[in-house]
């Protein structure tokens, strides 16, 4: 069995080696302090994942909007949309908007 003195000597001899010391400093520098460090790469990968999720969401929104625009090409659907959304009316026509008590927002 090795004694604690021989274990300490191995570490001291390893850290005393100038090449090992340079390699250790280089590794620490590259992992934490360099502009292309591991921490920066992790942040960039997280941002890429978030942007991919946004891409999927917006592609779904685009598909829904395309379907809606295709539906609005029909003149009766366009008229229905204009009446419901913008309260448009034809000439000589009266429109009554009925609101239920539970749909009115209270202040």
Protein backbone atom coordinates (compact mmCIF):
# COMPACT_ATOMS: atom_id res chain seq x y z
CA UNK A 1 0.00 0.00 0.00
CA UNK A 2 1.02 3.50 -0.69
CA UNK A 3 1.47 5.88 2.14
CA UNK A 4 0.16 9.42 2.20
CA UNK A 5 3.70 10.74 1.67
CA UNK A 6 4.09 8.93 -1.62
CA UNK A 7 0.65 10.11 -2.76
CA UNK A 8 1.58 13.71 -1.96
CA UNK A 9 4.85 13.29 -3.80
CA UNK A 10 3.06 12.09 -6.95
CA UNK A 11 0.79 15.15 -7.01
CA UNK A 12 3.66 17.46 -6.22
CA UNK A 13 5.76 15.92 -8.94
CA UNK A 14 2.86 16.15 -11.40
CA UNK A 15 2.14 19.83 -10.60
CA UNK A 16 5.84 20.59 -10.56
CA UNK A 17 6.09 19.51 -14.17
CA UNK A 18 5.99 22.69 -16.28
CA UNK A 19 4.17 20.97 -19.17
CA UNK A 20 1.43 19.65 -16.89
CA UNK A 21 1.09 23.07 -15.29
CA UNK A 22 0.82 24.77 -18.69
CA UNK A 23 -1.74 22.17 -19.81
CA UNK A 24 -3.79 22.76 -16.64
CA UNK A 25 -3.74 26.56 -17.09
CA UNK A 26 -4.67 26.15 -20.77
CA UNK A 27 -7.60 23.84 -19.92
CA UNK A 28 -8.93 26.22 -17.25
CA UNK A 29 -8.57 29.16 -19.63
CA UNK A 30 -10.41 27.37 -22.44
CA UNK A 31 -13.21 26.12 -20.18
CA UNK A 32 -14.01 29.36 -18.36
CA UNK A 33 -12.27 32.50 -19.63
CA UNK A 34 -12.01 32.25 -23.41
CA UNK A 35 -14.61 33.91 -25.66
CA UNK A 36 -15.51 30.44 -26.92
CA UNK A 37 -15.69 28.88 -23.48
CA UNK A 38 -17.99 26.08 -22.46
CA UNK A 39 -20.25 28.50 -20.59
CA UNK A 40 -20.74 30.61 -23.70
CA UNK A 41 -21.49 27.50 -25.75
CA UNK A 42 -24.10 26.40 -23.20
CA UNK A 43 -25.82 29.80 -23.35
CA UNK A 44 -25.79 29.72 -27.15
CA UNK A 45 -27.21 26.19 -27.23
CA UNK A 46 -30.02 27.23 -24.87
CA UNK A 47 -30.80 30.20 -27.10
CA UNK A 48 -30.86 27.94 -30.17
CA UNK A 49 -33.34 25.61 -28.47
CA UNK A 50 -35.58 28.54 -27.56
CA UNK A 51 -35.46 29.87 -31.12
CA UNK A 52 -36.33 26.43 -32.49
CA UNK A 53 -39.36 26.31 -30.20
CA UNK A 54 -40.38 29.79 -31.41
CA UNK A 55 -39.94 28.65 -35.00
CA UNK A 56 -42.31 25.72 -34.50
CA UNK A 57 -44.88 27.97 -32.81
CA UNK A 58 -44.79 30.58 -35.57
CA UNK A 59 -44.99 27.94 -38.30
CA UNK A 60 -48.18 26.65 -36.68
CA UNK A 61 -49.53 30.21 -36.52
CA UNK A 62 -48.71 30.73 -40.21
CA UNK A 63 -50.57 27.55 -41.14
CA UNK A 64 -53.61 28.68 -39.14
CA UNK A 65 -53.53 32.11 -40.79
CA UNK A 66 -53.25 30.55 -44.26
CA UNK A 67 -56.35 28.46 -43.56
CA UNK A 68 -58.17 31.54 -42.30
CA UNK A 69 -57.22 33.55 -45.42
CA UNK A 70 -58.32 30.70 -47.65
CA UNK A 71 -61.63 30.66 -45.81
CA UNK A 72 -62.03 34.44 -46.29
CA UNK A 73 -61.79 34.10 -50.08
CA UNK A 74 -65.45 33.08 -49.96
CA UNK A 75 -67.52 36.32 -50.07
CA UNK A 76 -70.11 35.10 -47.56
CA UNK A 77 -67.38 34.22 -45.05
CA UNK A 78 -65.73 37.61 -45.62
CA UNK A 79 -69.03 39.38 -45.00
CA UNK A 80 -69.62 37.32 -41.84
CA UNK A 81 -66.13 38.17 -40.57
CA UNK A 82 -66.59 41.91 -41.28
CA UNK A 83 -69.98 41.96 -39.54
CA UNK A 84 -68.80 40.10 -36.44
CA UNK A 85 -65.42 41.75 -36.02
CA UNK A 86 -65.91 45.32 -37.23
CA UNK A 87 -69.71 45.59 -36.81
CA UNK A 88 -70.16 46.58 -40.46
CA UNK A 89 -73.66 46.74 -41.93
CA UNK A 90 -75.44 47.10 -45.22
CA UNK A 91 -77.32 50.23 -46.19
CA UNK A 92 -80.77 50.63 -44.62
CA UNK A 93 -79.97 47.98 -42.06
CA UNK A 94 -80.07 48.27 -38.30
CA UNK A 95 -77.83 46.26 -36.03
CA UNK A 96 -78.55 45.53 -32.40
CA UNK A 97 -75.70 44.30 -30.24
CA UNK A 98 -76.96 42.20 -27.38
CA UNK A 99 -74.62 41.67 -24.47
CA UNK A 100 -75.42 39.29 -21.67
CA UNK A 101 -74.86 40.43 -18.13
CA UNK A 102 -72.14 37.84 -17.51
CA UNK A 103 -70.17 38.93 -20.61
CA UNK A 104 -69.91 42.60 -19.57
CA UNK A 105 -66.65 43.47 -17.85
CA UNK A 106 -67.16 45.21 -14.56
CA UNK A 107 -64.90 48.06 -13.48
